[in-house]
Amino acid sequence: MFGQAALWIEAVGSLYILGYVLAGLAALLRGPAASRLIRARLLVAEGVLAGLNFKVAASLLKTIQLESWQQIALFVATFALRTVLKRFFVWEQRQLLARQRGEEAG
């Protein structure tokens, strides 16, 4: 029961990431040349952060079905990896915003 819901939630997260990656690609083709790359990277980082939230929610739904230590260890590893990735993308987003503010001021 929860497994099916988790799959749908995970699919939504994947589609969300895909949409932002496509928006990032479009940003590379439009707008002022100086800010294209930064804008594209910000879009992708934003999409990954939002998509990872869906994927974490799906993982939590799957925890309801944990029955062995191996399943618990796999969940912990998955959750840790997603947490590290999320922190990396938040850091990347902050770096890009700081760089963009510096270019606009200078």
C-alpha atoms as a PDB file:
ATOM      1  CA  MET A   1       0.000   0.000   0.000  1.00  0.00           C
ATOM      2  CA  PHE A   2       2.596   2.562   1.066  1.00  0.00           C
ATOM      3  CA  GLY A   3       5.060   1.193  -1.486  1.00  0.00           C
ATOM      4  CA  GLN A   4       2.837   2.272  -4.385  1.00  0.00           C
ATOM      5  CA  ALA A   5       2.409   5.765  -2.915  1.00  0.00           C
ATOM      6  CA  ALA A   6       6.163   6.009  -2.374  1.00  0.00           C
ATOM      7  CA  LEU A   7       6.782   5.164  -6.035  1.00  0.00           C
ATOM      8  CA  TRP A   8       4.408   7.906  -7.183  1.00  0.00           C
ATOM      9  CA  ILE A   9       5.953  10.466  -4.846  1.00  0.00           C
ATOM     10  CA  GLU A  10       9.431   9.495  -6.020  1.00  0.00           C
ATOM     11  CA  ALA A  11       8.310   9.823  -9.649  1.00  0.00           C
ATOM     12  CA  VAL A  12       6.993  13.324  -8.958  1.00  0.00           C
ATOM     13  CA  GLY A  13      10.364  14.233  -7.427  1.00  0.00           C
ATOM     14  CA  SER A  14      12.164  12.926 -10.506  1.00  0.00           C
ATOM     15  CA  LEU A  15       9.879  14.882 -12.827  1.00  0.00           C
ATOM     16  CA  TYR A  16      10.426  17.986 -10.726  1.00  0.00           C
ATOM     17  CA  ILE A  17      14.208  17.643 -11.086  1.00  0.00           C
ATOM     18  CA  LEU A  18      13.882  16.978 -14.819  1.00  0.00           C
ATOM     19  CA  GLY A  19      11.744  20.095 -15.257  1.00  0.00           C
ATOM     20  CA  TYR A  20      14.307  22.289 -13.538  1.00  0.00           C
ATOM     21  CA  VAL A  21      17.174  20.753 -15.517  1.00  0.00           C
ATOM     22  CA  LEU A  22      15.286  21.590 -18.727  1.00  0.00           C
ATOM     23  CA  ALA A  23      14.665  25.118 -17.423  1.00  0.00           C
ATOM     24  CA  GLY A  24      18.391  25.388 -16.700  1.00  0.00           C
ATOM     25  CA  LEU A  25      19.192  24.324 -20.249  1.00  0.00           C
ATOM     26  CA  ALA A  26      16.758  26.927 -21.559  1.00  0.00           C
ATOM     27  CA  ALA A  27      18.402  29.573 -19.346  1.00  0.00           C
ATOM     28  CA  LEU A  28      21.724  28.788 -21.025  1.00  0.00           C
ATOM     29  CA  LEU A  29      20.186  29.845 -24.327  1.00  0.00           C
ATOM     30  CA  ARG A  30      18.367  32.978 -23.168  1.00  0.00           C
ATOM     31  CA  GLY A  31      19.182  36.156 -21.303  1.00  0.00           C
ATOM     32  CA  PRO A  32      22.337  38.192 -20.895  1.00  0.00           C
ATOM     33  CA  ALA A  33      25.464  36.197 -21.684  1.00  0.00           C
ATOM     34  CA  ALA A  34      27.192  37.172 -18.438  1.00  0.00           C
ATOM     35  CA  SER A  35      24.531  35.645 -16.200  1.00  0.00           C
ATOM     36  CA  ARG A  36      23.371  32.635 -18.244  1.00  0.00           C
ATOM     37  CA  LEU A  37      25.538  30.020 -16.560  1.00  0.00           C
ATOM     38  CA  ILE A  38      24.868  31.261 -13.036  1.00  0.00           C
ATOM     39  CA  ARG A  39      21.112  31.401 -13.687  1.00  0.00           C
ATOM     40  CA  ALA A  40      21.143  27.884 -15.149  1.00  0.00           C
ATOM     41  CA  ARG A  41      23.099  26.483 -12.211  1.00  0.00           C
ATOM     42  CA  LEU A  42      20.748  28.184  -9.739  1.00  0.00           C
ATOM     43  CA  LEU A  43      17.735  26.669 -11.468  1.00  0.00           C
ATOM     44  CA  VAL A  44      19.221  23.181 -11.405  1.00  0.00           C
ATOM     45  CA  ALA A  45      20.234  23.519  -7.730  1.00  0.00           C
ATOM     46  CA  GLU A  46      16.743  24.731  -6.820  1.00  0.00           C
ATOM     47  CA  GLY A  47      15.120  21.853  -8.681  1.00  0.00           C
ATOM     48  CA  VAL A  48      17.392  19.246  -7.119  1.00  0.00           C
ATOM     49  CA  LEU A  49      16.665  20.591  -3.642  1.00  0.00           C
ATOM     50  CA  ALA A  50      12.913  20.454  -4.209  1.00  0.00           C
ATOM     51  CA  GLY A  51      13.086  17.059  -5.902  1.00  0.00           C
ATOM     52  CA  LEU A  52      15.156  15.595  -3.088  1.00  0.00           C
ATOM     53  CA  ASN A  53      12.424  16.602  -0.650  1.00  0.00           C
ATOM     54  CA  PHE A  54       9.976  14.427  -2.594  1.00  0.00           C
ATOM     55  CA  LYS A  55      12.472  11.585  -2.691  1.00  0.00           C
ATOM     56  CA  VAL A  56      13.104  11.803   1.050  1.00  0.00           C
ATOM     57  CA  ALA A  57       9.345  11.707   1.652  1.00  0.00           C
ATOM     58  CA  ALA A  58       9.123   8.594  -0.517  1.00  0.00           C
ATOM     59  CA  SER A  59      11.987   6.996   1.407  1.00  0.00           C
ATOM     60  CA  LEU A  60      10.243   7.720   4.675  1.00  0.00           C
ATOM     61  CA  LEU A  61       7.079   6.070   3.401  1.00  0.00           C
ATOM     62  CA  LYS A  62       9.131   3.025   2.490  1.00  0.00           C
ATOM     63  CA  THR A  63      10.457   2.814   6.068  1.00  0.00           C
ATOM     64  CA  ILE A  64       7.072   1.602   7.145  1.00  0.00           C
ATOM     65  CA  GLN A  65       7.967  -1.660   5.379  1.00  0.00           C
ATOM     66  CA  LEU A  66      11.388  -2.157   6.986  1.00  0.00           C
ATOM     67  CA  GLU A  67      11.616  -5.687   8.300  1.00  0.00           C
ATOM     68  CA  SER A  68      15.326  -6.557   8.429  1.00  0.00           C
ATOM     69  CA  TRP A  69      18.578  -4.943   9.497  1.00  0.00           C
ATOM     70  CA  GLN A  70      19.720  -4.943   5.874  1.00  0.00           C
ATOM     71  CA  GLN A  71      16.673  -2.877   4.847  1.00  0.00           C
ATOM     72  CA  ILE A  72      17.265  -0.484   7.741  1.00  0.00           C
ATOM     73  CA  ALA A  73      20.951  -0.091   6.786  1.00  0.00           C
ATOM     74  CA  LEU A  74      20.002   0.561   3.158  1.00  0.00           C
ATOM     75  CA  PHE A  75      17.515   3.219   4.243  1.00  0.00           C
ATOM     76  CA  VAL A  76      20.100   4.900   6.488  1.00  0.00           C
ATOM     77  CA  ALA A  77      22.674   4.910   3.667  1.00  0.00           C
ATOM     78  CA  THR A  78      20.144   6.338   1.200  1.00  0.00           C
ATOM     79  CA  PHE A  79      18.996   8.983   3.658  1.00  0.00           C
ATOM     80  CA  ALA A  80      22.592   9.977   4.467  1.00  0.00           C
ATOM     81  CA  LEU A  81      23.524  10.243   0.796  1.00  0.00           C
ATOM     82  CA  ARG A  82      20.508  12.419   0.041  1.00  0.00           C
ATOM     83  CA  THR A  83      21.268  14.605   3.048  1.00  0.00           C
ATOM     84  CA  VAL A  84      24.856  15.122   1.861  1.00  0.00           C
ATOM     85  CA  LEU A  85      23.655  15.902  -1.667  1.00  0.00           C
ATOM     86  CA  LYS A  86      21.098  18.356  -0.358  1.00  0.00           C
ATOM     87  CA  ARG A  87      23.702  20.158   1.735  1.00  0.00           C
ATOM     88  CA  PHE A  88      26.016  20.336  -1.272  1.00  0.00           C
ATOM     89  CA  PHE A  89      23.321  21.894  -3.453  1.00  0.00           C
ATOM     90  CA  VAL A  90      22.412  24.416  -0.736  1.00  0.00           C
ATOM     91  CA  TRP A  91      26.092  25.372  -0.523  1.00  0.00           C
ATOM     92  CA  GLU A  92      26.310  25.624  -4.319  1.00  0.00           C
ATOM     93  CA  GLN A  93      23.191  27.789  -4.410  1.00  0.00           C
ATOM     94  CA  ARG A  94      24.625  30.165  -1.793  1.00  0.00           C
ATOM     95  CA  GLN A  95      27.939  30.401  -3.678  1.00  0.00           C
ATOM     96  CA  LEU A  96      26.160  31.212  -6.935  1.00  0.00           C
ATOM     97  CA  LEU A  97      23.934  33.825  -5.329  1.00  0.00           C
ATOM     98  CA  ALA A  98      26.946  35.493  -3.705  1.00  0.00           C
ATOM     99  CA  ARG A  99      28.798  35.502  -7.033  1.00  0.00           C
ATOM    100  CA  GLN A 100      25.755  36.900  -8.826  1.00  0.00           C
ATOM    101  CA  ARG A 101      25.393  39.705  -6.259  1.00  0.00           C
ATOM    102  CA  GLY A 102      29.105  40.478  -6.622  1.00  0.00           C
ATOM    103  CA  GLU A 103      28.803  40.748 -10.409  1.00  0.00           C
ATOM    104  CA  GLU A 104      25.723  42.976 -10.171  1.00  0.00           C
ATOM    105  CA  ALA A 105      27.434  45.287  -7.670  1.00  0.00           C
ATOM    106  CA  GLY A 106      30.743  45.428  -9.531  1.00  0.00           C
END
